[in-house]
N, C-alpha and C. Protein backbone atom coordinates (compact mmCIF):
# COMPACT_ATOMS: atom_id res chain seq x y z
N MET A 1 -23.01 1.61 2.91
CA MET A 1 -22.39 0.81 1.86
C MET A 1 -22.82 -0.64 2.03
N ALA A 2 -23.27 -1.24 0.95
CA ALA A 2 -23.69 -2.64 0.97
C ALA A 2 -22.47 -3.55 1.10
N THR A 3 -22.72 -4.78 1.53
CA THR A 3 -21.63 -5.75 1.63
C THR A 3 -21.09 -6.04 0.24
N VAL A 4 -19.78 -6.08 0.12
CA VAL A 4 -19.12 -6.32 -1.15
C VAL A 4 -18.43 -7.67 -1.08
N LYS A 5 -18.46 -8.41 -2.19
CA LYS A 5 -17.80 -9.71 -2.21
C LYS A 5 -16.31 -9.54 -1.95
N SER A 6 -15.63 -10.62 -1.62
CA SER A 6 -14.22 -10.49 -1.28
C SER A 6 -13.30 -11.39 -2.10
N ASP A 7 -13.83 -12.11 -3.08
CA ASP A 7 -12.99 -13.02 -3.86
C ASP A 7 -12.66 -12.43 -5.23
N PHE A 8 -11.90 -11.36 -5.21
CA PHE A 8 -11.52 -10.65 -6.43
C PHE A 8 -10.26 -11.26 -7.03
N ASN A 9 -10.13 -11.09 -8.36
CA ASN A 9 -8.93 -11.56 -9.06
C ASN A 9 -8.08 -10.40 -9.56
N GLN A 10 -8.70 -9.25 -9.77
CA GLN A 10 -7.99 -8.09 -10.31
C GLN A 10 -8.42 -6.82 -9.58
N ILE A 11 -7.54 -5.83 -9.59
CA ILE A 11 -7.84 -4.58 -8.91
C ILE A 11 -9.04 -3.87 -9.55
N ASP A 12 -9.14 -3.90 -10.87
CA ASP A 12 -10.29 -3.28 -11.53
C ASP A 12 -11.59 -3.89 -11.02
N GLU A 13 -11.62 -5.19 -10.87
CA GLU A 13 -12.80 -5.89 -10.38
C GLU A 13 -13.13 -5.44 -8.95
N TYR A 14 -12.11 -5.29 -8.13
CA TYR A 14 -12.29 -4.83 -6.75
C TYR A 14 -12.92 -3.44 -6.74
N ILE A 15 -12.33 -2.53 -7.49
CA ILE A 15 -12.78 -1.13 -7.47
C ILE A 15 -14.20 -1.00 -8.00
N THR A 16 -14.53 -1.69 -9.08
CA THR A 16 -15.88 -1.55 -9.65
C THR A 16 -16.96 -2.19 -8.79
N ALA A 17 -16.59 -2.93 -7.78
CA ALA A 17 -17.58 -3.51 -6.86
C ALA A 17 -18.14 -2.48 -5.88
N TYR A 18 -17.53 -1.30 -5.83
CA TYR A 18 -17.94 -0.25 -4.90
C TYR A 18 -18.74 0.84 -5.61
N PRO A 19 -19.49 1.64 -4.84
CA PRO A 19 -20.26 2.75 -5.43
C PRO A 19 -19.33 3.74 -6.15
N PRO A 20 -19.85 4.47 -7.14
CA PRO A 20 -19.02 5.38 -7.94
C PRO A 20 -18.18 6.37 -7.14
N ASP A 21 -18.71 6.94 -6.06
CA ASP A 21 -17.92 7.90 -5.28
C ASP A 21 -16.73 7.23 -4.61
N PHE A 22 -16.89 5.98 -4.18
CA PHE A 22 -15.78 5.22 -3.61
C PHE A 22 -14.78 4.87 -4.71
N GLN A 23 -15.30 4.49 -5.88
CA GLN A 23 -14.43 4.11 -6.99
C GLN A 23 -13.46 5.22 -7.36
N ALA A 24 -13.95 6.45 -7.39
CA ALA A 24 -13.10 7.58 -7.75
C ALA A 24 -11.94 7.73 -6.77
N ARG A 25 -12.22 7.57 -5.49
CA ARG A 25 -11.17 7.70 -4.47
C ARG A 25 -10.17 6.54 -4.57
N LEU A 26 -10.69 5.34 -4.78
CA LEU A 26 -9.82 4.17 -4.90
C LEU A 26 -8.93 4.29 -6.14
N GLN A 27 -9.49 4.76 -7.24
CA GLN A 27 -8.69 4.96 -8.46
C GLN A 27 -7.63 6.03 -8.25
N GLU A 28 -7.98 7.07 -7.51
CA GLU A 28 -7.01 8.14 -7.22
C GLU A 28 -5.83 7.58 -6.43
N LEU A 29 -6.11 6.79 -5.41
CA LEU A 29 -5.03 6.19 -4.61
C LEU A 29 -4.20 5.24 -5.47
N ARG A 30 -4.87 4.46 -6.29
CA ARG A 30 -4.18 3.53 -7.20
C ARG A 30 -3.22 4.30 -8.11
N LYS A 31 -3.67 5.40 -8.66
CA LYS A 31 -2.85 6.22 -9.56
C LYS A 31 -1.61 6.76 -8.83
N ILE A 32 -1.78 7.21 -7.61
CA ILE A 32 -0.66 7.72 -6.81
C ILE A 32 0.37 6.62 -6.57
N ILE A 33 -0.11 5.44 -6.20
CA ILE A 33 0.79 4.31 -5.94
C ILE A 33 1.53 3.92 -7.21
N ARG A 34 0.82 3.83 -8.34
CA ARG A 34 1.44 3.45 -9.62
C ARG A 34 2.51 4.46 -10.02
N ALA A 35 2.26 5.75 -9.78
CA ALA A 35 3.25 6.78 -10.13
C ALA A 35 4.49 6.65 -9.25
N ALA A 36 4.32 6.29 -8.00
CA ALA A 36 5.45 6.17 -7.07
C ALA A 36 6.23 4.88 -7.27
N ALA A 37 5.57 3.85 -7.79
CA ALA A 37 6.22 2.54 -8.00
C ALA A 37 5.78 1.97 -9.35
N PRO A 38 6.24 2.59 -10.45
CA PRO A 38 5.76 2.16 -11.77
C PRO A 38 6.14 0.73 -12.15
N LYS A 39 7.15 0.16 -11.52
CA LYS A 39 7.57 -1.21 -11.83
C LYS A 39 6.86 -2.25 -10.97
N ALA A 40 6.07 -1.80 -10.02
CA ALA A 40 5.40 -2.72 -9.10
C ALA A 40 4.31 -3.51 -9.82
N GLU A 41 4.16 -4.74 -9.40
CA GLU A 41 3.10 -5.62 -9.91
C GLU A 41 1.84 -5.37 -9.10
N GLU A 42 0.72 -5.21 -9.78
CA GLU A 42 -0.57 -5.08 -9.11
C GLU A 42 -1.16 -6.47 -8.93
N LEU A 43 -1.73 -6.72 -7.76
CA LEU A 43 -2.36 -8.00 -7.50
C LEU A 43 -3.38 -7.85 -6.39
N ILE A 44 -4.13 -8.90 -6.16
CA ILE A 44 -5.04 -8.96 -5.03
C ILE A 44 -4.40 -9.87 -3.99
N SER A 45 -4.28 -9.39 -2.78
CA SER A 45 -3.72 -10.17 -1.68
C SER A 45 -4.54 -9.86 -0.43
N TYR A 46 -4.88 -10.87 0.32
CA TYR A 46 -5.75 -10.71 1.48
C TYR A 46 -7.08 -10.05 1.08
N GLY A 47 -7.53 -10.31 -0.14
CA GLY A 47 -8.81 -9.80 -0.60
C GLY A 47 -8.83 -8.32 -0.95
N MET A 48 -7.66 -7.69 -1.08
CA MET A 48 -7.62 -6.26 -1.39
C MET A 48 -6.48 -5.95 -2.36
N PRO A 49 -6.53 -4.79 -3.02
CA PRO A 49 -5.46 -4.40 -3.92
C PRO A 49 -4.11 -4.34 -3.20
N ALA A 50 -3.09 -4.83 -3.89
CA ALA A 50 -1.76 -4.86 -3.31
C ALA A 50 -0.73 -4.62 -4.41
N TYR A 51 0.46 -4.24 -4.00
CA TYR A 51 1.55 -3.95 -4.92
C TYR A 51 2.80 -4.67 -4.45
N LYS A 52 3.48 -5.29 -5.42
CA LYS A 52 4.65 -6.11 -5.10
C LYS A 52 5.82 -5.70 -5.99
N GLN A 53 6.97 -5.48 -5.36
CA GLN A 53 8.21 -5.21 -6.07
C GLN A 53 9.35 -5.63 -5.15
N GLN A 54 9.98 -6.74 -5.47
CA GLN A 54 10.99 -7.34 -4.61
C GLN A 54 10.41 -7.61 -3.23
N GLY A 55 9.19 -8.01 -3.19
CA GLY A 55 8.45 -8.24 -1.96
C GLY A 55 7.23 -7.33 -1.94
N MET A 56 6.36 -7.53 -0.96
CA MET A 56 5.14 -6.73 -0.88
C MET A 56 5.48 -5.29 -0.50
N LEU A 57 4.81 -4.36 -1.17
CA LEU A 57 5.01 -2.93 -0.89
C LEU A 57 3.89 -2.39 0.00
N VAL A 58 2.71 -2.25 -0.59
CA VAL A 58 1.56 -1.67 0.11
C VAL A 58 0.27 -2.34 -0.33
N TYR A 59 -0.76 -2.15 0.49
CA TYR A 59 -2.11 -2.64 0.21
C TYR A 59 -3.06 -1.48 0.46
N PHE A 60 -4.27 -1.58 -0.10
CA PHE A 60 -5.32 -0.66 0.31
C PHE A 60 -6.67 -1.35 0.23
N GLY A 61 -7.61 -0.85 1.04
CA GLY A 61 -8.93 -1.46 1.05
C GLY A 61 -10.00 -0.45 1.42
N ALA A 62 -11.16 -0.58 0.78
CA ALA A 62 -12.28 0.31 1.06
C ALA A 62 -13.00 -0.13 2.33
N ASN A 63 -13.31 0.82 3.17
CA ASN A 63 -14.11 0.60 4.37
C ASN A 63 -15.25 1.61 4.34
N LYS A 64 -16.15 1.49 5.27
CA LYS A 64 -17.34 2.35 5.29
C LYS A 64 -16.99 3.85 5.38
N ALA A 65 -16.07 4.20 6.25
CA ALA A 65 -15.76 5.61 6.49
C ALA A 65 -14.39 6.06 6.00
N HIS A 66 -13.60 5.13 5.49
CA HIS A 66 -12.25 5.48 5.07
C HIS A 66 -11.68 4.43 4.12
N ILE A 67 -10.54 4.78 3.53
CA ILE A 67 -9.74 3.80 2.80
C ILE A 67 -8.63 3.40 3.75
N GLY A 68 -8.47 2.11 3.96
CA GLY A 68 -7.35 1.63 4.76
C GLY A 68 -6.13 1.52 3.86
N PHE A 69 -5.04 2.16 4.25
CA PHE A 69 -3.78 2.11 3.50
C PHE A 69 -2.78 1.39 4.38
N TYR A 70 -2.25 0.28 3.87
CA TYR A 70 -1.40 -0.61 4.65
C TYR A 70 0.01 -0.65 4.04
N PRO A 71 0.98 -0.02 4.66
CA PRO A 71 2.32 0.03 4.12
C PRO A 71 3.16 -1.24 4.28
N GLY A 72 2.54 -2.37 4.48
CA GLY A 72 3.29 -3.63 4.48
C GLY A 72 4.21 -3.80 5.67
N GLY A 73 3.76 -3.53 6.83
CA GLY A 73 4.56 -3.68 8.04
C GLY A 73 4.14 -2.65 9.07
N LYS A 74 4.74 -2.70 10.21
CA LYS A 74 4.39 -1.74 11.26
C LYS A 74 4.88 -0.35 10.87
N LEU A 75 4.04 0.62 11.08
CA LEU A 75 4.39 1.99 10.73
C LEU A 75 5.52 2.52 11.59
N SER A 76 5.74 1.91 12.73
CA SER A 76 6.82 2.35 13.61
C SER A 76 8.19 2.15 12.97
N GLY A 77 8.26 1.34 11.92
CA GLY A 77 9.53 1.12 11.23
C GLY A 77 9.88 2.22 10.24
N LEU A 78 8.94 3.10 9.95
CA LEU A 78 9.19 4.19 9.01
C LEU A 78 10.00 5.29 9.68
N ASP A 79 10.68 6.10 8.88
CA ASP A 79 11.51 7.14 9.49
C ASP A 79 10.65 8.19 10.21
N GLU A 80 11.30 8.96 11.05
CA GLU A 80 10.61 9.87 11.97
C GLU A 80 9.76 10.92 11.25
N SER A 81 10.26 11.47 10.15
CA SER A 81 9.48 12.50 9.45
C SER A 81 8.19 11.92 8.88
N LEU A 82 8.25 10.69 8.39
CA LEU A 82 7.03 10.04 7.89
C LEU A 82 6.08 9.74 9.04
N GLN A 83 6.61 9.31 10.17
CA GLN A 83 5.77 9.02 11.32
C GLN A 83 5.03 10.27 11.80
N GLN A 84 5.70 11.42 11.74
CA GLN A 84 5.05 12.67 12.15
C GLN A 84 3.88 13.00 11.22
N GLU A 85 4.08 12.81 9.91
CA GLU A 85 3.00 13.07 8.96
C GLU A 85 1.85 12.08 9.16
N ILE A 86 2.19 10.82 9.41
CA ILE A 86 1.19 9.77 9.61
C ILE A 86 0.36 10.04 10.86
N SER A 87 0.98 10.63 11.88
CA SER A 87 0.28 10.85 13.15
C SER A 87 -0.95 11.76 13.00
N LYS A 88 -1.08 12.44 11.88
CA LYS A 88 -2.24 13.31 11.64
C LYS A 88 -3.49 12.50 11.28
N TYR A 89 -3.30 11.21 11.05
CA TYR A 89 -4.41 10.34 10.61
C TYR A 89 -4.70 9.27 11.65
N LYS A 90 -5.96 8.85 11.69
CA LYS A 90 -6.31 7.70 12.52
C LYS A 90 -5.77 6.46 11.84
N GLY A 91 -5.68 5.38 12.60
CA GLY A 91 -5.21 4.13 12.03
C GLY A 91 -4.89 3.12 13.10
N THR A 92 -4.08 2.16 12.72
CA THR A 92 -3.63 1.10 13.61
C THR A 92 -2.10 1.07 13.53
N PRO A 93 -1.44 0.20 14.29
CA PRO A 93 0.02 0.14 14.17
C PRO A 93 0.51 -0.23 12.76
N ALA A 94 -0.39 -0.77 11.92
CA ALA A 94 0.02 -1.18 10.57
C ALA A 94 -0.81 -0.54 9.46
N SER A 95 -1.62 0.47 9.79
CA SER A 95 -2.45 1.07 8.75
C SER A 95 -2.70 2.55 8.99
N ILE A 96 -3.06 3.22 7.91
CA ILE A 96 -3.46 4.62 7.96
C ILE A 96 -4.87 4.68 7.41
N HIS A 97 -5.76 5.36 8.12
CA HIS A 97 -7.14 5.52 7.66
C HIS A 97 -7.25 6.84 6.90
N LEU A 98 -7.55 6.76 5.62
CA LEU A 98 -7.70 7.94 4.78
C LEU A 98 -9.19 8.22 4.62
N PRO A 99 -9.72 9.23 5.32
CA PRO A 99 -11.16 9.49 5.28
C PRO A 99 -11.62 9.93 3.89
N TYR A 100 -12.82 9.51 3.53
CA TYR A 100 -13.38 9.87 2.23
C TYR A 100 -13.65 11.36 2.10
N ASP A 101 -13.87 12.04 3.22
CA ASP A 101 -14.23 13.45 3.16
C ASP A 101 -13.02 14.39 3.14
N LYS A 102 -11.82 13.83 3.04
CA LYS A 102 -10.61 14.65 2.97
C LYS A 102 -9.78 14.20 1.76
N ALA A 103 -8.99 15.11 1.25
CA ALA A 103 -8.13 14.79 0.10
C ALA A 103 -7.14 13.69 0.47
N ILE A 104 -6.86 12.83 -0.48
CA ILE A 104 -5.83 11.80 -0.26
C ILE A 104 -4.49 12.52 -0.18
N PRO A 105 -3.70 12.26 0.85
CA PRO A 105 -2.41 12.94 1.01
C PRO A 105 -1.38 12.38 0.02
N LYS A 106 -1.41 12.91 -1.19
CA LYS A 106 -0.57 12.40 -2.28
C LYS A 106 0.91 12.35 -1.91
N THR A 107 1.40 13.43 -1.33
CA THR A 107 2.83 13.48 -0.97
C THR A 107 3.18 12.41 0.05
N LEU A 108 2.35 12.24 1.06
CA LEU A 108 2.59 11.24 2.10
C LEU A 108 2.56 9.83 1.50
N VAL A 109 1.53 9.53 0.72
CA VAL A 109 1.43 8.19 0.12
C VAL A 109 2.63 7.94 -0.78
N THR A 110 3.01 8.92 -1.58
CA THR A 110 4.17 8.78 -2.47
C THR A 110 5.44 8.50 -1.67
N LYS A 111 5.66 9.25 -0.60
CA LYS A 111 6.86 9.04 0.23
C LYS A 111 6.87 7.63 0.83
N ILE A 112 5.72 7.18 1.31
CA ILE A 112 5.65 5.85 1.93
C ILE A 112 5.93 4.77 0.89
N VAL A 113 5.32 4.88 -0.28
CA VAL A 113 5.52 3.87 -1.33
C VAL A 113 6.99 3.86 -1.75
N LYS A 114 7.58 5.02 -1.97
CA LYS A 114 9.00 5.07 -2.37
C LYS A 114 9.91 4.54 -1.26
N TYR A 115 9.56 4.82 -0.02
CA TYR A 115 10.31 4.28 1.12
C TYR A 115 10.27 2.75 1.09
N ARG A 116 9.07 2.20 0.85
CA ARG A 116 8.91 0.74 0.81
C ARG A 116 9.66 0.14 -0.38
N VAL A 117 9.69 0.82 -1.53
CA VAL A 117 10.45 0.34 -2.69
C VAL A 117 11.93 0.26 -2.32
N SER A 118 12.47 1.31 -1.70
CA SER A 118 13.89 1.32 -1.34
C SER A 118 14.19 0.30 -0.25
N GLU A 119 13.27 0.14 0.69
CA GLU A 119 13.44 -0.85 1.75
C GLU A 119 13.47 -2.26 1.17
N ASN A 120 12.56 -2.56 0.24
CA ASN A 120 12.54 -3.88 -0.38
C ASN A 120 13.79 -4.11 -1.22
N ALA A 121 14.27 -3.08 -1.92
CA ALA A 121 15.49 -3.22 -2.72
C ALA A 121 16.69 -3.52 -1.82
N ALA A 122 16.79 -2.83 -0.70
CA ALA A 122 17.89 -3.08 0.24
C ALA A 122 17.80 -4.49 0.81
N ASN A 123 16.60 -4.92 1.16
CA ASN A 123 16.42 -6.28 1.68
C ASN A 123 16.76 -7.33 0.64
N ALA A 124 16.46 -7.06 -0.63
CA ALA A 124 16.78 -8.01 -1.70
C ALA A 124 18.29 -8.15 -1.86
N ILE A 125 19.03 -7.06 -1.71
CA ILE A 125 20.49 -7.11 -1.80
C ILE A 125 21.06 -7.93 -0.65
N ILE A 126 20.58 -7.69 0.54
CA ILE A 126 21.04 -8.45 1.72
C ILE A 126 20.75 -9.93 1.53
N LYS A 127 19.56 -10.24 1.06
CA LYS A 127 19.17 -11.64 0.85
C LYS A 127 20.07 -12.29 -0.20
N ALA A 128 20.36 -11.58 -1.29
CA ALA A 128 21.23 -12.11 -2.35
C ALA A 128 22.65 -12.33 -1.84
N GLU A 129 23.14 -11.40 -1.01
CA GLU A 129 24.49 -11.54 -0.45
C GLU A 129 24.57 -12.75 0.48
N LYS A 130 23.54 -12.95 1.29
CA LYS A 130 23.52 -14.11 2.19
C LYS A 130 23.47 -15.40 1.39
N LYS A 131 22.68 -15.40 0.33
CA LYS A 131 22.56 -16.59 -0.52
C LYS A 131 23.90 -16.89 -1.19
N ALA A 132 24.57 -15.85 -1.70
CA ALA A 132 25.87 -16.02 -2.34
C ALA A 132 26.91 -16.51 -1.34
N ALA A 133 26.88 -15.98 -0.13
CA ALA A 133 27.82 -16.40 0.91
C ALA A 133 27.59 -17.85 1.28
N GLY A 134 26.34 -18.27 1.29
CA GLY A 134 26.01 -19.66 1.61
C GLY A 134 26.50 -20.63 0.56
N LYS A 135 26.55 -20.23 -0.70
CA LYS A 135 27.01 -21.09 -1.79
C LYS A 135 28.53 -21.24 -1.78
N LYS A 136 29.25 -20.27 -1.20
CA LYS A 136 30.71 -20.31 -1.16
C LYS A 136 31.24 -21.30 -0.15
N LYS A 137 30.39 -21.70 0.79
CA LYS A 137 30.83 -22.60 1.86
C LYS A 137 31.01 -24.00 1.36
């Protein structure tokens, strides 16, 4: 894979910068994320596609041998059943490597995105309650 520029403004621009076989996989992952978080805003953050809803949800990025899927925090914070599913994939403490030669795990990605949506919603409530409590003083 040739070097790809990194100053993208839109996800479509990011995806079309890659070869067609990579584009298909990136679009597939994008579609899964959009279905799991239809209200999320699409943006480019840290030079890669990202999704935001009451805070950052997830990111993804094309690499030579895999798509990096970044659930917006350490994976150790996810519940145990998700961690067991994630353990089947290579990655880092904050990413899952989705190889191009294997199907994208739609169910796993969907669960992670929905988990992040609910986590952000809960954090937004806590933040609003703290803000309201601060105004009462």
